[in-house]
Amino acid sequence: MAEKVLITGGAGYLGTVLIPILLERGFDVTVVDIFREGDTVLSDCCRYDSFHPVKGDARDEALMRKLAAKADIVIPLAGLVGAPLCAQDPFNAVTTNRDAVIMLSKLVGRGQKLLYPTTNSGYGIGEKDTFCTEETPLRPISLYGSSKVESERAILDSGNGVTFRLATVFGMSPRMRIDLLVNDFTHRAFTDRAVVIFEGHFKRNYIHIRDIAKVFLHAIGKYEAMNNQAYNVGLSSANLSKLELCAKIKEHLPAFVYIEAPIGEDPDKRDYIVSNAKIEAAGWTPDWSLDDGIKELIKGYTMIRNRRFANV
């Protein structure tokens, strides 16, 4: 019998990539999402008898209690992602990113698998030239980071759950996000051919969206060995500063010009490098390089043009 997966927020950037892969692998998938009016990002999944969309809110305890009781695997994806969005809507950020996840962790029993994507934004500002490991103290510097850190703590304290501290994600998705750093800079390079960078020495780690789907599948298969632990998930080859990222993009789009501003600050002060040795030792390896992702994005941006307010 197919394992039953419950996913909240499945119509988002990550869910719309992960869910088709789970269905192709034979899982039975129930998705809870508010489903924006006219939303068709998961329409192709409707051909599967094993796909069950539920229009609802991940904060609805009665609904989640009913659905969680039937699940073998629970993946909470619902949330407000990113520091700017959380700062704009702190109430929904806290109630969705933290409270709904903590509630769900209490509804999941020991015979079930709980897989939670958090963020390595929790490391905040790291020490220069020192890799952040899973033992590094978490010092989030935004509401987004703190809400995810508190959710992760609750899951690990419960004794049942695997958490993934994701690097900054990149790559194409049916629910595209152009605000993520690699996606954003590649979009600017493709459309504007120029970008002005503030504090270009700030470093982060990066990971392709399909490699995140791969780590979920990996943990489902090795849950007992990985249970009750946190794992950094990123490309060990891609701990890059913003200037280094731009140089990499320029290799694919030679007309791209990037300049570091002599004055001004980036309001996002995250600056860290991350070790992914623990998840690699658990047997997971990424399939997508940063170069692969940039080439994919260039193809995508050939089709996606932001013309809503343009006279073209």
Foldseek 3Di string as FASTA:
>chain_A
DAAEEEEEPLLAQLNLLQVVVCVVVPHQYEYEYCQPVPDCSCVVVVVGPSYHYDNDDLLPLVVLLVVLVRHQEYEYPDADDDQVRCVVPVVRRQSRLAVSLLSNLVSHDPNHAYEYEAAPLQCPADDPPDADFLPRDGHHDGSSNVRNVNSLVSNLVVQHYEYEHEWQEFADGSNDDCPGLLSVLLLCCLPVLEDEDEPQQAWTFYAYSVLVSVLVVLCVVVVVVRTSGYFYDGDLVGGHTNVVSNVLSCVVRVSRYYHYDPDDHDPRRGGHHHDRVVVVVSPRDGDDDSNNRSVRSSVVSVVDDPCPPPPD
